[in-house]
Amino acid sequence: MNTKFDFGEEGLERIVYVRSVAVQDLPEELQAELGGLDHLYAVHDSSGERLALVKDRKLAFALARQNDLAPVSVH
């Protein structure tokens, strides 16, 4: 996802958004490194910038919390 979102609310800088990402939607050079995975989980900040890609949802939430961020799911 390369589109930045403006949620327009202050004070949300500690919230991050976790969503599933299809590997086929990622750049080809990244797809080649991922082997047989079908999807990953992305962690985005409130501006829509992707902060991380991880193997599973549990890891995405743990990563956010370890960095003093509040993760929420996006469907």
PDB file of N, CA and C in Angstrom:
ATOM      1  N   MET A   1       0.848  -1.171   0.000  1.00  0.00           N
ATOM      2  CA  MET A   1       0.000   0.000   0.000  1.00  0.00           C
ATOM      3  C   MET A   1       0.888   1.225   0.000  1.00  0.00           C
ATOM      4  N   ASN A   2       0.773   2.025  -0.993  1.00  0.00           N
ATOM      5  CA  ASN A   2       1.598   3.211  -1.106  1.00  0.00           C
ATOM      6  C   ASN A   2       0.816   4.495  -0.886  1.00  0.00           C
ATOM      7  N   THR A   3      -0.466   4.389  -0.612  1.00  0.00           N
ATOM      8  CA  THR A   3      -1.305   5.562  -0.416  1.00  0.00           C
ATOM      9  C   THR A   3      -1.271   5.981   1.039  1.00  0.00           C
ATOM     10  N   LYS A   4      -0.996   7.246   1.284  1.00  0.00           N
ATOM     11  CA  LYS A   4      -1.001   7.763   2.648  1.00  0.00           C
ATOM     12  C   LYS A   4      -2.400   8.249   2.978  1.00  0.00           C
ATOM     13  N   PHE A   5      -2.828   8.008   4.214  1.00  0.00           N
ATOM     14  CA  PHE A   5      -4.143   8.409   4.666  1.00  0.00           C
ATOM     15  C   PHE A   5      -4.012   9.514   5.695  1.00  0.00           C
ATOM     16  N   ASP A   6      -4.879  10.497   5.620  1.00  0.00           N
ATOM     17  CA  ASP A   6      -4.926  11.563   6.617  1.00  0.00           C
ATOM     18  C   ASP A   6      -6.180  11.350   7.444  1.00  0.00           C
ATOM     19  N   PHE A   7      -6.008  10.795   8.650  1.00  0.00           N
ATOM     20  CA  PHE A   7      -7.146  10.536   9.510  1.00  0.00           C
ATOM     21  C   PHE A   7      -7.592  11.800  10.236  1.00  0.00           C
ATOM     22  N   GLY A   8      -6.824  12.854  10.176  1.00  0.00           N
ATOM     23  CA  GLY A   8      -7.233  14.157  10.638  1.00  0.00           C
ATOM     24  C   GLY A   8      -7.422  14.344  12.130  1.00  0.00           C
ATOM     25  N   GLU A   9      -7.011  13.430  12.936  1.00  0.00           N
ATOM     26  CA  GLU A   9      -7.188  13.587  14.377  1.00  0.00           C
ATOM     27  C   GLU A   9      -5.831  13.579  15.062  1.00  0.00           C
ATOM     28  N   GLU A  10      -5.666  14.525  15.962  1.00  0.00           N
ATOM     29  CA  GLU A  10      -4.418  14.575  16.726  1.00  0.00           C
ATOM     30  C   GLU A  10      -4.489  13.574  17.877  1.00  0.00           C
ATOM     31  N   GLY A  11      -3.345  13.200  18.381  1.00  0.00           N
ATOM     32  CA  GLY A  11      -3.296  12.283  19.507  1.00  0.00           C
ATOM     33  C   GLY A  11      -3.350  10.826  19.121  1.00  0.00           C
ATOM     34  N   LEU A  12      -3.418  10.540  17.841  1.00  0.00           N
ATOM     35  CA  LEU A  12      -3.480   9.153  17.400  1.00  0.00           C
ATOM     36  C   LEU A  12      -2.111   8.600  17.025  1.00  0.00           C
ATOM     37  N   GLU A  13      -1.065   9.355  17.282  1.00  0.00           N
ATOM     38  CA  GLU A  13       0.264   8.930  16.842  1.00  0.00           C
ATOM     39  C   GLU A  13       0.731   7.638  17.500  1.00  0.00           C
ATOM     40  N   ARG A  14       0.104   7.209  18.571  1.00  0.00           N
ATOM     41  CA  ARG A  14       0.491   5.973  19.247  1.00  0.00           C
ATOM     42  C   ARG A  14      -0.290   4.785  18.705  1.00  0.00           C
ATOM     43  N   ILE A  15      -1.319   5.023  17.913  1.00  0.00           N
ATOM     44  CA  ILE A  15      -2.123   3.940  17.352  1.00  0.00           C
ATOM     45  C   ILE A  15      -1.506   3.504  16.028  1.00  0.00           C
ATOM     46  N   VAL A  16      -1.408   2.190  15.845  1.00  0.00           N
ATOM     47  CA  VAL A  16      -0.985   1.627  14.567  1.00  0.00           C
ATOM     48  C   VAL A  16      -2.050   0.640  14.109  1.00  0.00           C
ATOM     49  N   TYR A  17      -2.083   0.434  12.817  1.00  0.00           N
ATOM     50  CA  TYR A  17      -3.123  -0.384  12.210  1.00  0.00           C
ATOM     51  C   TYR A  17      -2.506  -1.630  11.606  1.00  0.00           C
ATOM     52  N   VAL A  18      -3.097  -2.781  11.897  1.00  0.00           N
ATOM     53  CA  VAL A  18      -2.595  -4.073  11.429  1.00  0.00           C
ATOM     54  C   VAL A  18      -3.599  -4.632  10.432  1.00  0.00           C
ATOM     55  N   ARG A  19      -3.078  -5.017   9.268  1.00  0.00           N
ATOM     56  CA  ARG A  19      -3.961  -5.609   8.260  1.00  0.00           C
ATOM     57  C   ARG A  19      -3.217  -6.678   7.475  1.00  0.00           C
ATOM     58  N   SER A  20      -3.986  -7.605   6.941  1.00  0.00           N
ATOM     59  CA  SER A  20      -3.438  -8.661   6.099  1.00  0.00           C
ATOM     60  C   SER A  20      -3.092  -8.084   4.732  1.00  0.00           C
ATOM     61  N   VAL A  21      -1.988  -8.558   4.168  1.00  0.00           N
ATOM     62  CA  VAL A  21      -1.526  -8.109   2.853  1.00  0.00           C
ATOM     63  C   VAL A  21      -1.220  -9.342   2.015  1.00  0.00           C
ATOM     64  N   ALA A  22      -1.793  -9.409   0.824  1.00  0.00           N
ATOM     65  CA  ALA A  22      -1.492 -10.511  -0.096  1.00  0.00           C
ATOM     66  C   ALA A  22      -0.079 -10.327  -0.639  1.00  0.00           C
ATOM     67  N   VAL A  23       0.705 -11.386  -0.605  1.00  0.00           N
ATOM     68  CA  VAL A  23       2.080 -11.318  -1.098  1.00  0.00           C
ATOM     69  C   VAL A  23       2.099 -10.895  -2.565  1.00  0.00           C
ATOM     70  N   GLN A  24       1.115 -11.319  -3.345  1.00  0.00           N
ATOM     71  CA  GLN A  24       1.070 -10.963  -4.772  1.00  0.00           C
ATOM     72  C   GLN A  24       0.898  -9.466  -5.002  1.00  0.00           C
ATOM     73  N   ASP A  25       0.466  -8.721  -3.971  1.00  0.00           N
ATOM     74  CA  ASP A  25       0.309  -7.267  -4.087  1.00  0.00           C
ATOM     75  C   ASP A  25       1.594  -6.500  -3.758  1.00  0.00           C
ATOM     76  N   LEU A  26       2.614  -7.204  -3.336  1.00  0.00           N
ATOM     77  CA  LEU A  26       3.886  -6.581  -2.979  1.00  0.00           C
ATOM     78  C   LEU A  26       4.800  -6.504  -4.203  1.00  0.00           C
ATOM     79  N   PRO A  27       5.813  -5.651  -4.158  1.00  0.00           N
ATOM     80  CA  PRO A  27       6.770  -5.573  -5.280  1.00  0.00           C
ATOM     81  C   PRO A  27       7.413  -6.937  -5.552  1.00  0.00           C
ATOM     82  N   GLU A  28       7.706  -7.192  -6.818  1.00  0.00           N
ATOM     83  CA  GLU A  28       8.251  -8.491  -7.231  1.00  0.00           C
ATOM     84  C   GLU A  28       9.530  -8.875  -6.493  1.00  0.00           C
ATOM     85  N   GLU A  29      10.415  -7.899  -6.252  1.00  0.00           N
ATOM     86  CA  GLU A  29      11.665  -8.225  -5.562  1.00  0.00           C
ATOM     87  C   GLU A  29      11.415  -8.708  -4.133  1.00  0.00           C
ATOM     88  N   LEU A  30      10.367  -8.213  -3.511  1.00  0.00           N
ATOM     89  CA  LEU A  30      10.015  -8.658  -2.171  1.00  0.00           C
ATOM     90  C   LEU A  30       9.336 -10.021  -2.219  1.00  0.00           C
ATOM     91  N   GLN A  31       8.482 -10.239  -3.213  1.00  0.00           N
ATOM     92  CA  GLN A  31       7.813 -11.530  -3.378  1.00  0.00           C
ATOM     93  C   GLN A  31       8.829 -12.661  -3.489  1.00  0.00           C
ATOM     94  N   ALA A  32       9.913 -12.418  -4.217  1.00  0.00           N
ATOM     95  CA  ALA A  32      10.935 -13.439  -4.430  1.00  0.00           C
ATOM     96  C   ALA A  32      11.587 -13.873  -3.121  1.00  0.00           C
ATOM     97  N   GLU A  33      11.659 -12.982  -2.148  1.00  0.00           N
ATOM     98  CA  GLU A  33      12.286 -13.289  -0.869  1.00  0.00           C
ATOM     99  C   GLU A  33      11.352 -14.028   0.087  1.00  0.00           C
ATOM    100  N   LEU A  34      10.069 -14.076  -0.220  1.00  0.00           N
ATOM    101  CA  LEU A  34       9.088 -14.601   0.723  1.00  0.00           C
ATOM    102  C   LEU A  34       8.742 -16.064   0.521  1.00  0.00           C
ATOM    103  N   GLY A  35       9.334 -16.692  -0.454  1.00  0.00           N
ATOM    104  CA  GLY A  35       9.104 -18.117  -0.646  1.00  0.00           C
ATOM    105  C   GLY A  35       7.644 -18.431  -0.920  1.00  0.00           C
ATOM    106  N   GLY A  36       7.090 -19.377  -0.171  1.00  0.00           N
ATOM    107  CA  GLY A  36       5.737 -19.860  -0.415  1.00  0.00           C
ATOM    108  C   GLY A  36       4.640 -19.177   0.376  1.00  0.00           C
ATOM    109  N   LEU A  37       4.910 -18.042   0.973  1.00  0.00           N
ATOM    110  CA  LEU A  37       3.873 -17.377   1.761  1.00  0.00           C
ATOM    111  C   LEU A  37       2.800 -16.779   0.854  1.00  0.00           C
ATOM    112  N   ASP A  38       1.540 -16.865   1.303  1.00  0.00           N
ATOM    113  CA  ASP A  38       0.423 -16.280   0.562  1.00  0.00           C
ATOM    114  C   ASP A  38       0.115 -14.869   1.019  1.00  0.00           C
ATOM    115  N   HIS A  39       0.301 -14.639   2.335  1.00  0.00           N
ATOM    116  CA  HIS A  39       0.012 -13.309   2.877  1.00  0.00           C
ATOM    117  C   HIS A  39       0.903 -13.012   4.073  1.00  0.00           C
ATOM    118  N   LEU A  40       1.028 -11.734   4.357  1.00  0.00           N
ATOM    119  CA  LEU A  40       1.761 -11.217   5.515  1.00  0.00           C
ATOM    120  C   LEU A  40       0.830 -10.262   6.252  1.00  0.00           C
ATOM    121  N   TYR A  41       1.331  -9.709   7.340  1.00  0.00           N
ATOM    122  CA  TYR A  41       0.595  -8.669   8.053  1.00  0.00           C
ATOM    123  C   TYR A  41       1.427  -7.394   8.052  1.00  0.00           C
ATOM    124  N   ALA A  42       0.771  -6.298   7.716  1.00  0.00           N
ATOM    125  CA  ALA A  42       1.422  -4.999   7.666  1.00  0.00           C
ATOM    126  C   ALA A  42       1.008  -4.183   8.872  1.00  0.00           C
ATOM    127  N   VAL A  43       1.951  -3.410   9.396  1.00  0.00           N
ATOM    128  CA  VAL A  43       1.696  -2.459  10.479  1.00  0.00           C
ATOM    129  C   VAL A  43       1.864  -1.070   9.878  1.00  0.00           C
ATOM    130  N   HIS A  44       0.807  -0.249   9.989  1.00  0.00           N
ATOM    131  CA  HIS A  44       0.800   1.104   9.417  1.00  0.00           C
ATOM    132  C   HIS A  44       0.595   2.131  10.517  1.00  0.00           C
ATOM    133  N   ASP A  45       1.200   3.314  10.350  1.00  0.00           N
ATOM    134  CA  ASP A  45       0.928   4.402  11.291  1.00  0.00           C
ATOM    135  C   ASP A  45      -0.351   5.126  10.863  1.00  0.00           C
ATOM    136  N   SER A  46      -0.747   6.137  11.609  1.00  0.00           N
ATOM    137  CA  SER A  46      -2.010   6.824  11.327  1.00  0.00           C
ATOM    138  C   SER A  46      -1.995   7.611  10.021  1.00  0.00           C
ATOM    139  N   SER A  47      -0.809   7.849   9.450  1.00  0.00           N
ATOM    140  CA  SER A  47      -0.739   8.537   8.162  1.00  0.00           C
ATOM    141  C   SER A  47      -0.825   7.544   6.999  1.00  0.00           C
ATOM    142  N   GLY A  48      -0.857   6.237   7.309  1.00  0.00           N
ATOM    143  CA  GLY A  48      -0.932   5.207   6.280  1.00  0.00           C
ATOM    144  C   GLY A  48       0.409   4.651   5.864  1.00  0.00           C
ATOM    145  N   GLU A  49       1.484   5.182   6.443  1.00  0.00           N
ATOM    146  CA  GLU A  49       2.823   4.698   6.092  1.00  0.00           C
ATOM    147  C   GLU A  49       3.053   3.309   6.677  1.00  0.00           C
ATOM    148  N   ARG A  50       3.532   2.399   5.830  1.00  0.00           N
ATOM    149  CA  ARG A  50       3.828   1.050   6.293  1.00  0.00           C
ATOM    150  C   ARG A  50       5.095   1.082   7.133  1.00  0.00           C
ATOM    151  N   LEU A  51       4.979   0.580   8.357  1.00  0.00           N
ATOM    152  CA  LEU A  51       6.112   0.553   9.275  1.00  0.00           C
ATOM    153  C   LEU A  51       6.813  -0.795   9.281  1.00  0.00           C
ATOM    154  N   ALA A  52       6.038  -1.859   9.051  1.00  0.00           N
ATOM    155  CA  ALA A  52       6.626  -3.197   9.115  1.00  0.00           C
ATOM    156  C   ALA A  52       5.761  -4.197   8.360  1.00  0.00           C
ATOM    157  N   LEU A  53       6.397  -5.264   7.908  1.00  0.00           N
ATOM    158  CA  LEU A  53       5.724  -6.439   7.368  1.00  0.00           C
ATOM    159  C   LEU A  53       6.197  -7.623   8.192  1.00  0.00           C
ATOM    160  N   VAL A  54       5.261  -8.418   8.693  1.00  0.00           N
ATOM    161  CA  VAL A  54       5.622  -9.571   9.517  1.00  0.00           C
ATOM    162  C   VAL A  54       4.823 -10.796   9.081  1.00  0.00           C
ATOM    163  N   LYS A  55       5.263 -11.951   9.532  1.00  0.00           N
ATOM    164  CA  LYS A  55       4.717 -13.225   9.086  1.00  0.00           C
ATOM    165  C   LYS A  55       3.288 -13.490   9.555  1.00  0.00           C
ATOM    166  N   ASP A  56       2.957 -13.090  10.788  1.00  0.00           N
ATOM    167  CA  ASP A  56       1.609 -13.389  11.273  1.00  0.00           C
ATOM    168  C   ASP A  56       1.036 -12.258  12.139  1.00  0.00           C
ATOM    169  N   ARG A  57      -0.268 -12.333  12.366  1.00  0.00           N
ATOM    170  CA  ARG A  57      -0.996 -11.286  13.083  1.00  0.00           C
ATOM    171  C   ARG A  57      -0.493 -11.142  14.522  1.00  0.00           C
ATOM    172  N   LYS A  58      -0.266 -12.258  15.172  1.00  0.00           N
ATOM    173  CA  LYS A  58       0.198 -12.228  16.564  1.00  0.00           C
ATOM    174  C   LYS A  58       1.528 -11.479  16.671  1.00  0.00           C
ATOM    175  N   LEU A  59       2.423 -11.728  15.742  1.00  0.00           N
ATOM    176  CA  LEU A  59       3.714 -11.046  15.727  1.00  0.00           C
ATOM    177  C   LEU A  59       3.540  -9.553  15.461  1.00  0.00           C
ATOM    178  N   ALA A  60       2.618  -9.186  14.587  1.00  0.00           N
ATOM    179  CA  ALA A  60       2.371  -7.766  14.291  1.00  0.00           C
ATOM    180  C   ALA A  60       1.922  -7.030  15.554  1.00  0.00           C
ATOM    181  N   PHE A  61       1.016  -7.628  16.316  1.00  0.00           N
ATOM    182  CA  PHE A  61       0.538  -7.000  17.547  1.00  0.00           C
ATOM    183  C   PHE A  61       1.649  -6.940  18.599  1.00  0.00           C
ATOM    184  N   ALA A  62       2.437  -8.007  18.716  1.00  0.00           N
ATOM    185  CA  ALA A  62       3.539  -8.020  19.674  1.00  0.00           C
ATOM    186  C   ALA A  62       4.577  -6.958  19.331  1.00  0.00           C
ATOM    187  N   LEU A  63       4.913  -6.839  18.051  1.00  0.00           N
ATOM    188  CA  LEU A  63       5.877  -5.842  17.601  1.00  0.00           C
ATOM    189  C   LEU A  63       5.411  -4.433  17.960  1.00  0.00           C
ATOM    190  N   ALA A  64       4.156  -4.149  17.702  1.00  0.00           N
ATOM    191  CA  ALA A  64       3.605  -2.826  18.022  1.00  0.00           C
ATOM    192  C   ALA A  64       3.682  -2.552  19.523  1.00  0.00           C
ATOM    193  N   ARG A  65       3.248  -3.497  20.306  1.00  0.00           N
ATOM    194  CA  ARG A  65       3.237  -3.306  21.768  1.00  0.00           C
ATOM    195  C   ARG A  65       4.646  -3.162  22.338  1.00  0.00           C
ATOM    196  N   GLN A  66       5.605  -3.883  21.785  1.00  0.00           N
ATOM    197  CA  GLN A  66       6.993  -3.767  22.242  1.00  0.00           C
ATOM    198  C   GLN A  66       7.567  -2.388  21.967  1.00  0.00           C
ATOM    199  N   ASN A  67       6.952  -1.685  21.032  1.00  0.00           N
ATOM    200  CA  ASN A  67       7.398  -0.335  20.687  1.00  0.00           C
ATOM    201  C   ASN A  67       6.456   0.733  21.240  1.00  0.00           C
ATOM    202  N   ASP A  68       5.731   0.361  22.306  1.00  0.00           N
ATOM    203  CA  ASP A  68       4.817   1.272  23.005  1.00  0.00           C
ATOM    204  C   ASP A  68       3.761   1.870  22.087  1.00  0.00           C
ATOM    205  N   LEU A  69       3.277   1.074  21.157  1.00  0.00           N
ATOM    206  CA  LEU A  69       2.216   1.490  20.250  1.00  0.00           C
ATOM    207  C   LEU A  69       0.960   0.681  20.551  1.00  0.00           C
ATOM    208  N   ALA A  70      -0.182   1.208  20.164  1.00  0.00           N
ATOM    209  CA  ALA A  70      -1.460   0.546  20.401  1.00  0.00           C
ATOM    210  C   ALA A  70      -2.002   0.007  19.070  1.00  0.00           C
ATOM    211  N   PRO A  71      -1.885  -1.299  18.849  1.00  0.00           N
ATOM    212  CA  PRO A  71      -2.337  -1.861  17.573  1.00  0.00           C
ATOM    213  C   PRO A  71      -3.847  -2.095  17.535  1.00  0.00           C
ATOM    214  N   VAL A  72      -4.435  -1.858  16.372  1.00  0.00           N
ATOM    215  CA  VAL A  72      -5.841  -2.193  16.121  1.00  0.00           C
ATOM    216  C   VAL A  72      -5.918  -2.867  14.756  1.00  0.00           C
ATOM    217  N   SER A  73      -6.906  -3.741  14.594  1.00  0.00           N
ATOM    218  CA  SER A  73      -7.087  -4.451  13.327  1.00  0.00           C
ATOM    219  C   SER A  73      -7.816  -3.591  12.324  1.00  0.00           C
ATOM    220  N   VAL A  74      -7.431  -3.766  11.068  1.00  0.00           N
ATOM    221  CA  VAL A  74      -8.125  -3.150   9.942  1.00  0.00           C
ATOM    222  C   VAL A  74      -8.533  -4.287   9.030  1.00  0.00           C
ATOM    223  N   HIS A  75      -9.772  -4.287   8.611  1.00  0.00           N
ATOM    224  CA  HIS A  75     -10.260  -5.382   7.748  1.00  0.00           C
ATOM    225  C   HIS A  75     -10.308  -4.955   6.325  1.00  0.00           C
TER     226      HIS A  75
END
